[in-house]
Amino acid sequence: ATAGPSLRWLRFAAGLSVEDVAEATHTSVSSVKRWEAHGLRAPAPSAVHALAHALGASPQQVQVALRP
């Protein structure tokens, strides 16, 4: 199975900083960094949708990007 782009790649492609994504998803910079590093806690479904909207990606792309 081919993995999709990483969350960090999606963020770079959208031209956003970690701070931009944190603001767009109403979460902390540390949470965004954890998500990008495949930290233990995956974001809530509402955050996945907010990430998708902020990154110009589909929720499915974000879900794939969040997988370790």
PDB file of N, CA and C in Angstrom:
ATOM      1  N   ALA A   1       0.848  -1.192   0.000  1.00  0.00           N
ATOM      2  CA  ALA A   1       0.000   0.000   0.000  1.00  0.00           C
ATOM      3  C   ALA A   1       0.882   1.239   0.000  1.00  0.00           C
ATOM      4  N   THR A   2       0.536   2.167  -0.807  1.00  0.00           N
ATOM      5  CA  THR A   2       1.307   3.400  -0.904  1.00  0.00           C
ATOM      6  C   THR A   2       0.770   4.401   0.103  1.00  0.00           C
ATOM      7  N   ALA A   3       1.680   4.917   0.906  1.00  0.00           N
ATOM      8  CA  ALA A   3       1.281   5.926   1.885  1.00  0.00           C
ATOM      9  C   ALA A   3       1.121   7.264   1.169  1.00  0.00           C
ATOM     10  N   GLY A   4       0.287   8.102   1.726  1.00  0.00           N
ATOM     11  CA  GLY A   4       0.113   9.440   1.182  1.00  0.00           C
ATOM     12  C   GLY A   4       1.148  10.389   1.765  1.00  0.00           C
ATOM     13  N   PRO A   5       1.040  11.654   1.433  1.00  0.00           N
ATOM     14  CA  PRO A   5       1.973  12.637   1.980  1.00  0.00           C
ATOM     15  C   PRO A   5       1.808  12.768   3.492  1.00  0.00           C
ATOM     16  N   SER A   6       2.882  13.150   4.132  1.00  0.00           N
ATOM     17  CA  SER A   6       2.840  13.353   5.586  1.00  0.00           C
ATOM     18  C   SER A   6       2.086  14.635   5.912  1.00  0.00           C
ATOM     19  N   LEU A   7       1.714  14.753   7.167  1.00  0.00           N
ATOM     20  CA  LEU A   7       1.041  15.973   7.616  1.00  0.00           C
ATOM     21  C   LEU A   7       1.953  17.182   7.417  1.00  0.00           C
ATOM     22  N   ARG A   8       3.235  17.009   7.711  1.00  0.00           N
ATOM     23  CA  ARG A   8       4.194  18.112   7.527  1.00  0.00           C
ATOM     24  C   ARG A   8       4.242  18.525   6.062  1.00  0.00           C
ATOM     25  N   TRP A   9       4.261  17.527   5.152  1.00  0.00           N
ATOM     26  CA  TRP A   9       4.286  17.833   3.718  1.00  0.00           C
ATOM     27  C   TRP A   9       3.039  18.598   3.327  1.00  0.00           C
ATOM     28  N   LEU A  10       1.871  18.142   3.792  1.00  0.00           N
ATOM     29  CA  LEU A  10       0.629  18.847   3.479  1.00  0.00           C
ATOM     30  C   LEU A  10       0.677  20.287   3.974  1.00  0.00           C
ATOM     31  N   ARG A  11       1.259  20.485   5.172  1.00  0.00           N
ATOM     32  CA  ARG A  11       1.360  21.840   5.719  1.00  0.00           C
ATOM     33  C   ARG A  11       2.285  22.700   4.857  1.00  0.00           C
ATOM     34  N   PHE A  12       3.444  22.149   4.483  1.00  0.00           N
ATOM     35  CA  PHE A  12       4.369  22.899   3.621  1.00  0.00           C
ATOM     36  C   PHE A  12       3.709  23.231   2.284  1.00  0.00           C
ATOM     37  N   ALA A  13       3.015  22.247   1.702  1.00  0.00           N
ATOM     38  CA  ALA A  13       2.358  22.452   0.411  1.00  0.00           C
ATOM     39  C   ALA A  13       1.304  23.546   0.497  1.00  0.00           C
ATOM     40  N   ALA A  14       0.677  23.670   1.674  1.00  0.00           N
ATOM     41  CA  ALA A  14      -0.337  24.714   1.871  1.00  0.00           C
ATOM     42  C   ALA A  14       0.300  26.060   2.222  1.00  0.00           C
ATOM     43  N   GLY A  15       1.620  26.067   2.421  1.00  0.00           N
ATOM     44  CA  GLY A  15       2.315  27.312   2.743  1.00  0.00           C
ATOM     45  C   GLY A  15       2.037  27.810   4.150  1.00  0.00           C
ATOM     46  N   LEU A  16       1.778  26.872   5.069  1.00  0.00           N
ATOM     47  CA  LEU A  16       1.405  27.257   6.428  1.00  0.00           C
ATOM     48  C   LEU A  16       2.495  26.905   7.429  1.00  0.00           C
ATOM     49  N   SER A  17       2.573  27.712   8.474  1.00  0.00           N
ATOM     50  CA  SER A  17       3.469  27.414   9.593  1.00  0.00           C
ATOM     51  C   SER A  17       2.726  26.546  10.603  1.00  0.00           C
ATOM     52  N   VAL A  18       3.491  25.972  11.530  1.00  0.00           N
ATOM     53  CA  VAL A  18       2.866  25.207  12.616  1.00  0.00           C
ATOM     54  C   VAL A  18       1.885  26.112  13.355  1.00  0.00           C
ATOM     55  N   GLU A  19       2.266  27.364  13.561  1.00  0.00           N
ATOM     56  CA  GLU A  19       1.400  28.322  14.265  1.00  0.00           C
ATOM     57  C   GLU A  19       0.109  28.560  13.497  1.00  0.00           C
ATOM     58  N   ASP A  20       0.217  28.666  12.160  1.00  0.00           N
ATOM     59  CA  ASP A  20      -0.984  28.857  11.331  1.00  0.00           C
ATOM     60  C   ASP A  20      -1.951  27.689  11.514  1.00  0.00           C
ATOM     61  N   VAL A  21      -1.408  26.472  11.490  1.00  0.00           N
ATOM     62  CA  VAL A  21      -2.251  25.283  11.613  1.00  0.00           C
ATOM     63  C   VAL A  21      -2.864  25.213  13.013  1.00  0.00           C
ATOM     64  N   ALA A  22      -2.074  25.538  14.015  1.00  0.00           N
ATOM     65  CA  ALA A  22      -2.591  25.534  15.390  1.00  0.00           C
ATOM     66  C   ALA A  22      -3.755  26.517  15.518  1.00  0.00           C
ATOM     67  N   GLU A  23      -3.587  27.697  14.952  1.00  0.00           N
ATOM     68  CA  GLU A  23      -4.653  28.705  15.021  1.00  0.00           C
ATOM     69  C   GLU A  23      -5.888  28.238  14.255  1.00  0.00           C
ATOM     70  N   ALA A  24      -5.691  27.665  13.078  1.00  0.00           N
ATOM     71  CA  ALA A  24      -6.811  27.233  12.245  1.00  0.00           C
ATOM     72  C   ALA A  24      -7.587  26.086  12.881  1.00  0.00           C
ATOM     73  N   THR A  25      -6.912  25.277  13.674  1.00  0.00           N
ATOM     74  CA  THR A  25      -7.563  24.115  14.297  1.00  0.00           C
ATOM     75  C   THR A  25      -7.902  24.363  15.756  1.00  0.00           C
ATOM     76  N   HIS A  26      -7.670  25.581  16.227  1.00  0.00           N
ATOM     77  CA  HIS A  26      -7.972  25.954  17.613  1.00  0.00           C
ATOM     78  C   HIS A  26      -7.294  25.006  18.598  1.00  0.00           C
ATOM     79  N   THR A  27      -6.027  24.734  18.344  1.00  0.00           N
ATOM     80  CA  THR A  27      -5.259  23.857  19.221  1.00  0.00           C
ATOM     81  C   THR A  27      -3.894  24.476  19.452  1.00  0.00           C
ATOM     82  N   SER A  28      -3.060  23.780  20.182  1.00  0.00           N
ATOM     83  CA  SER A  28      -1.751  24.326  20.529  1.00  0.00           C
ATOM     84  C   SER A  28      -0.699  23.940  19.491  1.00  0.00           C
ATOM     85  N   VAL A  29       0.354  24.743  19.437  1.00  0.00           N
ATOM     86  CA  VAL A  29       1.490  24.450  18.571  1.00  0.00           C
ATOM     87  C   VAL A  29       2.062  23.080  18.938  1.00  0.00           C
ATOM     88  N   SER A  30       2.133  22.778  20.232  1.00  0.00           N
ATOM     89  CA  SER A  30       2.694  21.486  20.645  1.00  0.00           C
ATOM     90  C   SER A  30       1.841  20.323  20.135  1.00  0.00           C
ATOM     91  N   SER A  31       0.517  20.496  20.084  1.00  0.00           N
ATOM     92  CA  SER A  31      -0.341  19.432  19.542  1.00  0.00           C
ATOM     93  C   SER A  31      -0.049  19.204  18.064  1.00  0.00           C
ATOM     94  N   VAL A  32       0.076  20.284  17.305  1.00  0.00           N
ATOM     95  CA  VAL A  32       0.367  20.151  15.874  1.00  0.00           C
ATOM     96  C   VAL A  32       1.714  19.449  15.686  1.00  0.00           C
ATOM     97  N   LYS A  33       2.703  19.827  16.478  1.00  0.00           N
ATOM     98  CA  LYS A  33       4.023  19.187  16.372  1.00  0.00           C
ATOM     99  C   LYS A  33       3.942  17.708  16.726  1.00  0.00           C
ATOM    100  N   ARG A  34       3.131  17.365  17.729  1.00  0.00           N
ATOM    101  CA  ARG A  34       2.946  15.953  18.093  1.00  0.00           C
ATOM    102  C   ARG A  34       2.293  15.187  16.953  1.00  0.00           C
ATOM    103  N   TRP A  35       1.251  15.790  16.349  1.00  0.00           N
ATOM    104  CA  TRP A  35       0.583  15.128  15.224  1.00  0.00           C
ATOM    105  C   TRP A  35       1.572  14.884  14.096  1.00  0.00           C
ATOM    106  N   GLU A  36       2.400  15.887  13.798  1.00  0.00           N
ATOM    107  CA  GLU A  36       3.375  15.742  12.710  1.00  0.00           C
ATOM    108  C   GLU A  36       4.421  14.681  13.035  1.00  0.00           C
ATOM    109  N   ALA A  37       4.724  14.504  14.315  1.00  0.00           N
ATOM    110  CA  ALA A  37       5.724  13.521  14.738  1.00  0.00           C
ATOM    111  C   ALA A  37       5.071  12.169  15.044  1.00  0.00           C
ATOM    112  N   HIS A  38       3.782  12.038  14.720  1.00  0.00           N
ATOM    113  CA  HIS A  38       3.025  10.810  14.989  1.00  0.00           C
ATOM    114  C   HIS A  38       3.042  10.492  16.477  1.00  0.00           C
ATOM    115  N   GLY A  39       2.694  11.513  17.254  1.00  0.00           N
ATOM    116  CA  GLY A  39       2.587  11.338  18.696  1.00  0.00           C
ATOM    117  C   GLY A  39       1.470  10.372  19.051  1.00  0.00           C
ATOM    118  N   LEU A  40       1.327  10.106  20.318  1.00  0.00           N
ATOM    119  CA  LEU A  40       0.410   9.068  20.761  1.00  0.00           C
ATOM    120  C   LEU A  40      -1.046   9.409  20.517  1.00  0.00           C
ATOM    121  N   ARG A  41      -1.416  10.661  20.701  1.00  0.00           N
ATOM    122  CA  ARG A  41      -2.839  11.014  20.604  1.00  0.00           C
ATOM    123  C   ARG A  41      -3.172  11.546  19.216  1.00  0.00           C
ATOM    124  N   ALA A  42      -4.042  10.861  18.538  1.00  0.00           N
ATOM    125  CA  ALA A  42      -4.535  11.377  17.256  1.00  0.00           C
ATOM    126  C   ALA A  42      -5.560  12.471  17.555  1.00  0.00           C
ATOM    127  N   PRO A  43      -5.683  13.427  16.665  1.00  0.00           N
ATOM    128  CA  PRO A  43      -6.665  14.490  16.899  1.00  0.00           C
ATOM    129  C   PRO A  43      -8.097  13.967  16.816  1.00  0.00           C
ATOM    130  N   ALA A  44      -8.980  14.673  17.469  1.00  0.00           N
ATOM    131  CA  ALA A  44     -10.413  14.365  17.415  1.00  0.00           C
ATOM    132  C   ALA A  44     -10.910  14.535  15.980  1.00  0.00           C
ATOM    133  N   PRO A  45     -12.010  13.876  15.639  1.00  0.00           N
ATOM    134  CA  PRO A  45     -12.555  14.029  14.282  1.00  0.00           C
ATOM    135  C   PRO A  45     -12.784  15.488  13.884  1.00  0.00           C
ATOM    136  N   SER A  46     -13.214  16.307  14.809  1.00  0.00           N
ATOM    137  CA  SER A  46     -13.424  17.722  14.474  1.00  0.00           C
ATOM    138  C   SER A  46     -12.106  18.396  14.105  1.00  0.00           C
ATOM    139  N   ALA A  47     -11.019  18.015  14.777  1.00  0.00           N
ATOM    140  CA  ALA A  47      -9.701  18.580  14.455  1.00  0.00           C
ATOM    141  C   ALA A  47      -9.215  18.063  13.106  1.00  0.00           C
ATOM    142  N   VAL A  48      -9.511  16.804  12.797  1.00  0.00           N
ATOM    143  CA  VAL A  48      -9.133  16.262  11.480  1.00  0.00           C
ATOM    144  C   VAL A  48      -9.810  17.078  10.385  1.00  0.00           C
ATOM    145  N   HIS A  49     -11.089  17.387  10.563  1.00  0.00           N
ATOM    146  CA  HIS A  49     -11.810  18.193   9.564  1.00  0.00           C
ATOM    147  C   HIS A  49     -11.245  19.607   9.495  1.00  0.00           C
ATOM    148  N   ALA A  50     -10.894  20.181  10.639  1.00  0.00           N
ATOM    149  CA  ALA A  50     -10.296  21.523  10.653  1.00  0.00           C
ATOM    150  C   ALA A  50      -8.928  21.504   9.976  1.00  0.00           C
ATOM    151  N   LEU A  51      -8.155  20.461  10.233  1.00  0.00           N
ATOM    152  CA  LEU A  51      -6.850  20.314   9.567  1.00  0.00           C
ATOM    153  C   LEU A  51      -7.041  20.226   8.054  1.00  0.00           C
ATOM    154  N   ALA A  52      -7.984  19.391   7.637  1.00  0.00           N
ATOM    155  CA  ALA A  52      -8.239  19.229   6.202  1.00  0.00           C
ATOM    156  C   ALA A  52      -8.602  20.564   5.571  1.00  0.00           C
ATOM    157  N   HIS A  53      -9.480  21.298   6.225  1.00  0.00           N
ATOM    158  CA  HIS A  53      -9.897  22.599   5.696  1.00  0.00           C
ATOM    159  C   HIS A  53      -8.708  23.555   5.607  1.00  0.00           C
ATOM    160  N   ALA A  54      -7.916  23.624   6.677  1.00  0.00           N
ATOM    161  CA  ALA A  54      -6.768  24.540   6.716  1.00  0.00           C
ATOM    162  C   ALA A  54      -5.721  24.172   5.667  1.00  0.00           C
ATOM    163  N   LEU A  55      -5.547  22.874   5.435  1.00  0.00           N
ATOM    164  CA  LEU A  55      -4.494  22.408   4.536  1.00  0.00           C
ATOM    165  C   LEU A  55      -4.954  22.257   3.094  1.00  0.00           C
ATOM    166  N   GLY A  56      -6.242  22.477   2.857  1.00  0.00           N
ATOM    167  CA  GLY A  56      -6.760  22.295   1.506  1.00  0.00           C
ATOM    168  C   GLY A  56      -6.687  20.837   1.078  1.00  0.00           C
ATOM    169  N   ALA A  57      -6.870  19.944   2.035  1.00  0.00           N
ATOM    170  CA  ALA A  57      -6.805  18.508   1.782  1.00  0.00           C
ATOM    171  C   ALA A  57      -8.130  17.880   2.189  1.00  0.00           C
ATOM    172  N   SER A  58      -8.303  16.625   1.836  1.00  0.00           N
ATOM    173  CA  SER A  58      -9.511  15.923   2.267  1.00  0.00           C
ATOM    174  C   SER A  58      -9.285  15.346   3.664  1.00  0.00           C
ATOM    175  N   PRO A  59     -10.357  15.129   4.419  1.00  0.00           N
ATOM    176  CA  PRO A  59     -10.191  14.471   5.719  1.00  0.00           C
ATOM    177  C   PRO A  59      -9.494  13.116   5.588  1.00  0.00           C
ATOM    178  N   GLN A  60      -9.752  12.410   4.471  1.00  0.00           N
ATOM    179  CA  GLN A  60      -9.101  11.118   4.257  1.00  0.00           C
ATOM    180  C   GLN A  60      -7.589  11.283   4.097  1.00  0.00           C
ATOM    181  N   GLN A  61      -7.170  12.316   3.370  1.00  0.00           N
ATOM    182  CA  GLN A  61      -5.732  12.572   3.218  1.00  0.00           C
ATOM    183  C   GLN A  61      -5.103  12.859   4.576  1.00  0.00           C
ATOM    184  N   VAL A  62      -5.804  13.617   5.404  1.00  0.00           N
ATOM    185  CA  VAL A  62      -5.285  13.940   6.736  1.00  0.00           C
ATOM    186  C   VAL A  62      -5.198  12.672   7.577  1.00  0.00           C
ATOM    187  N   GLN A  63      -6.211  11.823   7.525  1.00  0.00           N
ATOM    188  CA  GLN A  63      -6.181  10.567   8.283  1.00  0.00           C
ATOM    189  C   GLN A  63      -4.969   9.724   7.888  1.00  0.00           C
ATOM    190  N   VAL A  64      -4.722   9.613   6.586  1.00  0.00           N
ATOM    191  CA  VAL A  64      -3.572   8.833   6.107  1.00  0.00           C
ATOM    192  C   VAL A  64      -2.278   9.482   6.573  1.00  0.00           C
ATOM    193  N   ALA A  65      -2.212  10.807   6.507  1.00  0.00           N
ATOM    194  CA  ALA A  65      -0.999  11.525   6.910  1.00  0.00           C
ATOM    195  C   ALA A  65      -0.700  11.354   8.390  1.00  0.00           C
ATOM    196  N   LEU A  66      -1.740  11.126   9.187  1.00  0.00           N
ATOM    197  CA  LEU A  66      -1.559  10.993  10.630  1.00  0.00           C
ATOM    198  C   LEU A  66      -1.130   9.590  11.046  1.00  0.00           C
ATOM    199  N   ARG A  67      -1.219   8.625  10.136  1.00  0.00           N
ATOM    200  CA  ARG A  67      -0.836   7.252  10.507  1.00  0.00           C
ATOM    201  C   ARG A  67       0.665   7.159  10.656  1.00  0.00           C
ATOM    202  N   PRO A  68       1.123   6.426  11.670  1.00  0.00           N
ATOM    203  CA  PRO A  68       2.582   6.269  11.858  1.00  0.00           C
ATOM    204  C   PRO A  68       3.221   5.474  10.741  1.00  0.00           C
TER     205      PRO A  68
END
